[in-house]
All heavy atoms as atom14 arrays in JSON, in Angstrom:
{
  "sequence": "IIAEGVVEAAKEVNLSVPLVVRLEGTNVD",
  "atom14_mask": [
    [1, 1, 1, 1, 1, 1, 1, 1, 0, 0, 0, 0, 0, 0],
    [1, 1, 1, 1, 1, 1, 1, 1, 0, 0, 0, 0, 0, 0],
    [1, 1, 1, 1, 1, 0, 0, 0, 0, 0, 0, 0, 0, 0],
    [1, 1, 1, 1, 1, 1, 1, 1, 1, 0, 0, 0, 0, 0],
    [1, 1, 1, 1, 0, 0, 0, 0, 0, 0, 0, 0, 0, 0],
    [1, 1, 1, 1, 1, 1, 1, 0, 0, 0, 0, 0, 0, 0],
    [1, 1, 1, 1, 1, 1, 1, 0, 0, 0, 0, 0, 0, 0],
    [1, 1, 1, 1, 1, 1, 1, 1, 1, 0, 0, 0, 0, 0],
    [1, 1, 1, 1, 1, 0, 0, 0, 0, 0, 0, 0, 0, 0],
    [1, 1, 1, 1, 1, 0, 0, 0, 0, 0, 0, 0, 0, 0],
    [1, 1, 1, 1, 1, 1, 1, 1, 1, 0, 0, 0, 0, 0],
    [1, 1, 1, 1, 1, 1, 1, 1, 1, 0, 0, 0, 0, 0],
    [1, 1, 1, 1, 1, 1, 1, 0, 0, 0, 0, 0, 0, 0],
    [1, 1, 1, 1, 1, 1, 1, 1, 0, 0, 0, 0, 0, 0],
    [1, 1, 1, 1, 1, 1, 1, 1, 0, 0, 0, 0, 0, 0],
    [1, 1, 1, 1, 1, 1, 0, 0, 0, 0, 0, 0, 0, 0],
    [1, 1, 1, 1, 1, 1, 1, 0, 0, 0, 0, 0, 0, 0],
    [1, 1, 1, 1, 1, 1, 1, 0, 0, 0, 0, 0, 0, 0],
    [1, 1, 1, 1, 1, 1, 1, 1, 0, 0, 0, 0, 0, 0],
    [1, 1, 1, 1, 1, 1, 1, 0, 0, 0, 0, 0, 0, 0],
    [1, 1, 1, 1, 1, 1, 1, 0, 0, 0, 0, 0, 0, 0],
    [1, 1, 1, 1, 1, 1, 1, 1, 1, 1, 1, 0, 0, 0],
    [1, 1, 1, 1, 1, 1, 1, 1, 0, 0, 0, 0, 0, 0],
    [1, 1, 1, 1, 1, 1, 1, 1, 1, 0, 0, 0, 0, 0],
    [1, 1, 1, 1, 0, 0, 0, 0, 0, 0, 0, 0, 0, 0],
    [1, 1, 1, 1, 1, 1, 1, 0, 0, 0, 0, 0, 0, 0],
    [1, 1, 1, 1, 1, 1, 1, 1, 0, 0, 0, 0, 0, 0],
    [1, 1, 1, 1, 1, 1, 1, 0, 0, 0, 0, 0, 0, 0],
    [1, 1, 1, 1, 1, 1, 1, 1, 0, 0, 0, 0, 0, 0]
  ],
  "atom14_positions": [
    [[-19.52, -61.24, 4.09], [-20.68, -60.37, 3.9], [-21.43, -60.76, 2.63], [-22.66, -60.85, 2.61], [-20.25, -58.89, 3.82], [-19.64, -58.44, 5.14], [-21.42, -58.0, 3.43], [-20.61, -58.41, 6.3], [0.0, 0.0, 0.0], [0.0, 0.0, 0.0], [0.0, 0.0, 0.0], [0.0, 0.0, 0.0], [0.0, 0.0, 0.0], [0.0, 0.0, 0.0]],
    [[-20.67, -61.0, 1.57], [-21.28, -61.44, 0.31], [-22.02, -62.76, 0.51], [-23.16, -62.94, 0.07], [-20.21, -61.59, -0.79], [-19.62, -60.22, -1.16], [-20.79, -62.28, -2.02], [-20.58, -59.31, -1.89], [0.0, 0.0, 0.0], [0.0, 0.0, 0.0], [0.0, 0.0, 0.0], [0.0, 0.0, 0.0], [0.0, 0.0, 0.0], [0.0, 0.0, 0.0]],
    [[-21.37, -63.7, 1.18], [-21.96, -65.02, 1.4], [-23.26, -64.92, 2.2], [-24.27, -65.57, 1.87], [-20.96, -65.92, 2.11], [0.0, 0.0, 0.0], [0.0, 0.0, 0.0], [0.0, 0.0, 0.0], [0.0, 0.0, 0.0], [0.0, 0.0, 0.0], [0.0, 0.0, 0.0], [0.0, 0.0, 0.0], [0.0, 0.0, 0.0], [0.0, 0.0, 0.0]],
    [[-23.26, -64.11, 3.25], [-24.47, -63.94, 4.06], [-25.61, -63.35, 3.23], [-26.76, -63.78, 3.34], [-24.17, -63.03, 5.25], [-23.3, -63.68, 6.33], [-22.87, -62.68, 7.39], [-23.23, -61.49, 7.27], [-22.17, -63.09, 8.34], [0.0, 0.0, 0.0], [0.0, 0.0, 0.0], [0.0, 0.0, 0.0], [0.0, 0.0, 0.0], [0.0, 0.0, 0.0]],
    [[-25.29, -62.36, 2.4], [-26.31, -61.75, 1.55], [-26.85, -62.72, 0.53], [-28.07, -62.77, 0.27], [0.0, 0.0, 0.0], [0.0, 0.0, 0.0], [0.0, 0.0, 0.0], [0.0, 0.0, 0.0], [0.0, 0.0, 0.0], [0.0, 0.0, 0.0], [0.0, 0.0, 0.0], [0.0, 0.0, 0.0], [0.0, 0.0, 0.0], [0.0, 0.0, 0.0]],
    [[-25.98, -63.51, -0.08], [-26.4, -64.49, -1.07], [-27.33, -65.52, -0.44], [-28.39, -65.85, -0.99], [-25.17, -65.19, -1.7], [-25.6, -66.42, -2.49], [-24.42, -64.22, -2.6], [0.0, 0.0, 0.0], [0.0, 0.0, 0.0], [0.0, 0.0, 0.0], [0.0, 0.0, 0.0], [0.0, 0.0, 0.0], [0.0, 0.0, 0.0], [0.0, 0.0, 0.0]],
    [[-26.95, -66.04, 0.72], [-27.76, -67.06, 1.4], [-29.12, -66.49, 1.8], [-30.16, -67.12, 1.58], [-27.02, -67.6, 2.64], [-27.94, -68.47, 3.49], [-25.79, -68.38, 2.21], [0.0, 0.0, 0.0], [0.0, 0.0, 0.0], [0.0, 0.0, 0.0], [0.0, 0.0, 0.0], [0.0, 0.0, 0.0], [0.0, 0.0, 0.0], [0.0, 0.0, 0.0]],
    [[-29.12, -65.3, 2.38], [-30.37, -64.68, 2.82], [-31.3, -64.43, 1.65], [-32.51, -64.72, 1.71], [-30.06, -63.37, 3.54], [-31.29, -62.71, 4.14], [-30.95, -61.48, 4.95], [-29.86, -61.46, 5.57], [-31.76, -60.52, 4.97], [0.0, 0.0, 0.0], [0.0, 0.0, 0.0], [0.0, 0.0, 0.0], [0.0, 0.0, 0.0], [0.0, 0.0, 0.0]],
    [[-30.75, -63.89, 0.56], [-31.57, -63.59, -0.62], [-32.09, -64.86, -1.27], [-33.26, -64.93, -1.67], [-30.76, -62.77, -1.62], [0.0, 0.0, 0.0], [0.0, 0.0, 0.0], [0.0, 0.0, 0.0], [0.0, 0.0, 0.0], [0.0, 0.0, 0.0], [0.0, 0.0, 0.0], [0.0, 0.0, 0.0], [0.0, 0.0, 0.0], [0.0, 0.0, 0.0]],
    [[-31.24, -65.87, -1.39], [-31.64, -67.13, -2.02], [-32.79, -67.79, -1.26], [-33.72, -68.36, -1.87], [-30.46, -68.08, -2.1], [0.0, 0.0, 0.0], [0.0, 0.0, 0.0], [0.0, 0.0, 0.0], [0.0, 0.0, 0.0], [0.0, 0.0, 0.0], [0.0, 0.0, 0.0], [0.0, 0.0, 0.0], [0.0, 0.0, 0.0], [0.0, 0.0, 0.0]],
    [[-32.75, -67.7, 0.06], [-33.83, -68.28, 0.87], [-35.12, -67.47, 0.75], [-36.22, -68.03, 0.69], [-33.39, -68.37, 2.33], [-32.33, -69.44, 2.59], [-31.91, -69.48, 4.04], [-30.89, -70.61, 4.28], [-30.44, -70.66, 5.7], [0.0, 0.0, 0.0], [0.0, 0.0, 0.0], [0.0, 0.0, 0.0], [0.0, 0.0, 0.0], [0.0, 0.0, 0.0]],
    [[-34.99, -66.15, 0.7], [-36.17, -65.28, 0.61], [-36.93, -65.47, -0.7], [-38.15, -65.45, -0.72], [-35.76, -63.81, 0.76], [-35.55, -63.37, 2.19], [-35.41, -61.86, 2.3], [-36.11, -61.15, 1.56], [-34.58, -61.4, 3.1], [0.0, 0.0, 0.0], [0.0, 0.0, 0.0], [0.0, 0.0, 0.0], [0.0, 0.0, 0.0], [0.0, 0.0, 0.0]],
    [[-36.2, -65.61, -1.79], [-36.84, -65.69, -3.11], [-37.07, -67.13, -3.56], [-37.57, -67.35, -4.67], [-36.0, -64.95, -4.17], [-35.85, -63.5, -3.81], [-34.63, -65.61, -4.35], [0.0, 0.0, 0.0], [0.0, 0.0, 0.0], [0.0, 0.0, 0.0], [0.0, 0.0, 0.0], [0.0, 0.0, 0.0], [0.0, 0.0, 0.0], [0.0, 0.0, 0.0]],
    [[-36.71, -68.1, -2.7], [-36.88, -69.5, -3.07], [-36.16, -69.79, -4.39], [-36.79, -70.13, -5.4], [-38.37, -69.86, -3.16], [-38.59, -71.36, -3.25], [-37.73, -72.16, -2.84], [-39.73, -71.76, -3.78], [0.0, 0.0, 0.0], [0.0, 0.0, 0.0], [0.0, 0.0, 0.0], [0.0, 0.0, 0.0], [0.0, 0.0, 0.0], [0.0, 0.0, 0.0]],
    [[-34.86, -69.64, -4.39], [-34.03, -69.74, -5.59], [-34.3, -71.02, -6.38], [-34.29, -72.12, -5.84], [-32.55, -69.7, -5.2], [-31.54, -69.72, -6.34], [-31.66, -68.44, -7.15], [-30.12, -69.88, -5.79], [0.0, 0.0, 0.0], [0.0, 0.0, 0.0], [0.0, 0.0, 0.0], [0.0, 0.0, 0.0], [0.0, 0.0, 0.0], [0.0, 0.0, 0.0]],
    [[-34.56, -70.86, -7.68], [-34.87, -72.01, -8.53], [-33.98, -72.09, -9.76], [-34.23, -72.9, -10.65], [-36.34, -71.94, -8.97], [-36.59, -70.74, -9.69], [0.0, 0.0, 0.0], [0.0, 0.0, 0.0], [0.0, 0.0, 0.0], [0.0, 0.0, 0.0], [0.0, 0.0, 0.0], [0.0, 0.0, 0.0], [0.0, 0.0, 0.0], [0.0, 0.0, 0.0]],
    [[-32.94, -71.24, -9.83], [-32.01, -71.28, -10.96], [-30.62, -71.63, -10.43], [-30.32, -71.41, -9.25], [-31.97, -69.93, -11.71], [-33.33, -69.59, -12.3], [-31.48, -68.82, -10.8], [0.0, 0.0, 0.0], [0.0, 0.0, 0.0], [0.0, 0.0, 0.0], [0.0, 0.0, 0.0], [0.0, 0.0, 0.0], [0.0, 0.0, 0.0], [0.0, 0.0, 0.0]],
    [[-29.76, -72.18, -11.28], [-28.4, -72.54, -10.83], [-27.63, -71.32, -10.32], [-27.77, -70.22, -10.86], [-27.76, -73.11, -12.1], [-28.89, -73.52, -12.97], [-30.0, -72.56, -12.68], [0.0, 0.0, 0.0], [0.0, 0.0, 0.0], [0.0, 0.0, 0.0], [0.0, 0.0, 0.0], [0.0, 0.0, 0.0], [0.0, 0.0, 0.0], [0.0, 0.0, 0.0]],
    [[-26.84, -71.55, -9.29], [-26.05, -70.48, -8.7], [-24.6, -70.94, -8.55], [-24.33, -71.95, -7.89], [-26.61, -70.08, -7.33], [-25.76, -69.13, -6.47], [-25.59, -67.78, -7.17], [-26.39, -68.95, -5.1], [0.0, 0.0, 0.0], [0.0, 0.0, 0.0], [0.0, 0.0, 0.0], [0.0, 0.0, 0.0], [0.0, 0.0, 0.0], [0.0, 0.0, 0.0]],
    [[-23.69, -70.2, -9.16], [-22.26, -70.48, -9.03], [-21.61, -69.29, -8.32], [-21.84, -68.13, -8.69], [-21.59, -70.69, -10.41], [-20.08, -70.84, -10.25], [-22.18, -71.92, -11.1], [0.0, 0.0, 0.0], [0.0, 0.0, 0.0], [0.0, 0.0, 0.0], [0.0, 0.0, 0.0], [0.0, 0.0, 0.0], [0.0, 0.0, 0.0], [0.0, 0.0, 0.0]],
    [[-20.83, -69.59, -7.29], [-20.19, -68.53, -6.52], [-18.68, -68.75, -6.51], [-18.2, -69.84, -6.18], [-20.7, -68.49, -5.07], [-19.99, -67.4, -4.28], [-22.21, -68.27, -5.04], [0.0, 0.0, 0.0], [0.0, 0.0, 0.0], [0.0, 0.0, 0.0], [0.0, 0.0, 0.0], [0.0, 0.0, 0.0], [0.0, 0.0, 0.0], [0.0, 0.0, 0.0]],
    [[-17.94, -67.72, -6.86], [-16.49, -67.75, -6.76], [-16.07, -66.66, -5.8], [-16.32, -65.48, -6.04], [-15.86, -67.54, -8.14], [-14.33, -67.52, -8.13], [-13.78, -66.12, -8.26], [-12.32, -66.08, -8.31], [-11.6, -65.06, -8.71], [-12.21, -63.95, -9.13], [-10.29, -65.11, -8.7], [0.0, 0.0, 0.0], [0.0, 0.0, 0.0], [0.0, 0.0, 0.0]],
    [[-15.48, -67.05, -4.68], [-15.01, -66.1, -3.68], [-13.49, -66.17, -3.58], [-12.91, -67.25, -3.62], [-15.61, -66.41, -2.31], [-17.14, -66.35, -2.16], [-17.53, -66.74, -0.75], [-17.66, -64.95, -2.49], [0.0, 0.0, 0.0], [0.0, 0.0, 0.0], [0.0, 0.0, 0.0], [0.0, 0.0, 0.0], [0.0, 0.0, 0.0], [0.0, 0.0, 0.0]],
    [[-12.88, -65.02, -3.4], [-11.43, -64.96, -3.19], [-11.12, -63.67, -2.44], [-11.72, -62.63, -2.71], [-10.7, -64.99, -4.53], [-9.19, -65.2, -4.4], [-8.85, -66.5, -3.69], [-9.07, -67.57, -4.29], [-8.4, -66.43, -2.53], [0.0, 0.0, 0.0], [0.0, 0.0, 0.0], [0.0, 0.0, 0.0], [0.0, 0.0, 0.0], [0.0, 0.0, 0.0]],
    [[-10.2, -63.76, -1.47], [-9.8, -62.54, -0.77], [-10.13, -62.56, 0.7], [-10.13, -63.6, 1.36], [0.0, 0.0, 0.0], [0.0, 0.0, 0.0], [0.0, 0.0, 0.0], [0.0, 0.0, 0.0], [0.0, 0.0, 0.0], [0.0, 0.0, 0.0], [0.0, 0.0, 0.0], [0.0, 0.0, 0.0], [0.0, 0.0, 0.0], [0.0, 0.0, 0.0]],
    [[-10.46, -61.39, 1.24], [-10.67, -61.21, 2.67], [-11.8, -62.09, 3.21], [-12.92, -62.07, 2.68], [-11.01, -59.73, 2.97], [-9.98, -58.9, 2.43], [-11.13, -59.48, 4.46], [0.0, 0.0, 0.0], [0.0, 0.0, 0.0], [0.0, 0.0, 0.0], [0.0, 0.0, 0.0], [0.0, 0.0, 0.0], [0.0, 0.0, 0.0], [0.0, 0.0, 0.0]],
    [[-11.49, -62.88, 4.27], [-12.47, -63.77, 4.92], [-13.06, -64.8, 3.96], [-14.22, -65.18, 4.08], [-13.6, -62.96, 5.56], [-13.16, -62.2, 6.79], [-12.0, -62.28, 7.19], [-14.07, -61.47, 7.4], [0.0, 0.0, 0.0], [0.0, 0.0, 0.0], [0.0, 0.0, 0.0], [0.0, 0.0, 0.0], [0.0, 0.0, 0.0], [0.0, 0.0, 0.0]],
    [[-12.25, -65.25, 2.99], [-12.77, -66.2, 2.0], [-13.18, -67.53, 2.63], [-14.2, -68.11, 2.27], [-11.74, -66.41, 0.86], [-10.45, -67.02, 1.38], [-12.34, -67.28, -0.24], [0.0, 0.0, 0.0], [0.0, 0.0, 0.0], [0.0, 0.0, 0.0], [0.0, 0.0, 0.0], [0.0, 0.0, 0.0], [0.0, 0.0, 0.0], [0.0, 0.0, 0.0]],
    [[-12.39, -68.03, 3.61], [-12.72, -69.31, 4.25], [-14.04, -69.2, 5.01], [-14.88, -70.12, 4.95], [-11.6, -69.74, 5.2], [-10.32, -70.09, 4.45], [-10.43, -70.46, 3.26], [-9.24, -70.0, 5.05], [0.0, 0.0, 0.0], [0.0, 0.0, 0.0], [0.0, 0.0, 0.0], [0.0, 0.0, 0.0], [0.0, 0.0, 0.0], [0.0, 0.0, 0.0]]
  ]
}
């Protein structure tokens, strides 16, 4: 869910700053 939100938001705002994501836990793969 987090990953989908991050991707959707990054595409909407045309992300231009570095993004680091650390995921761990449920459905991490």
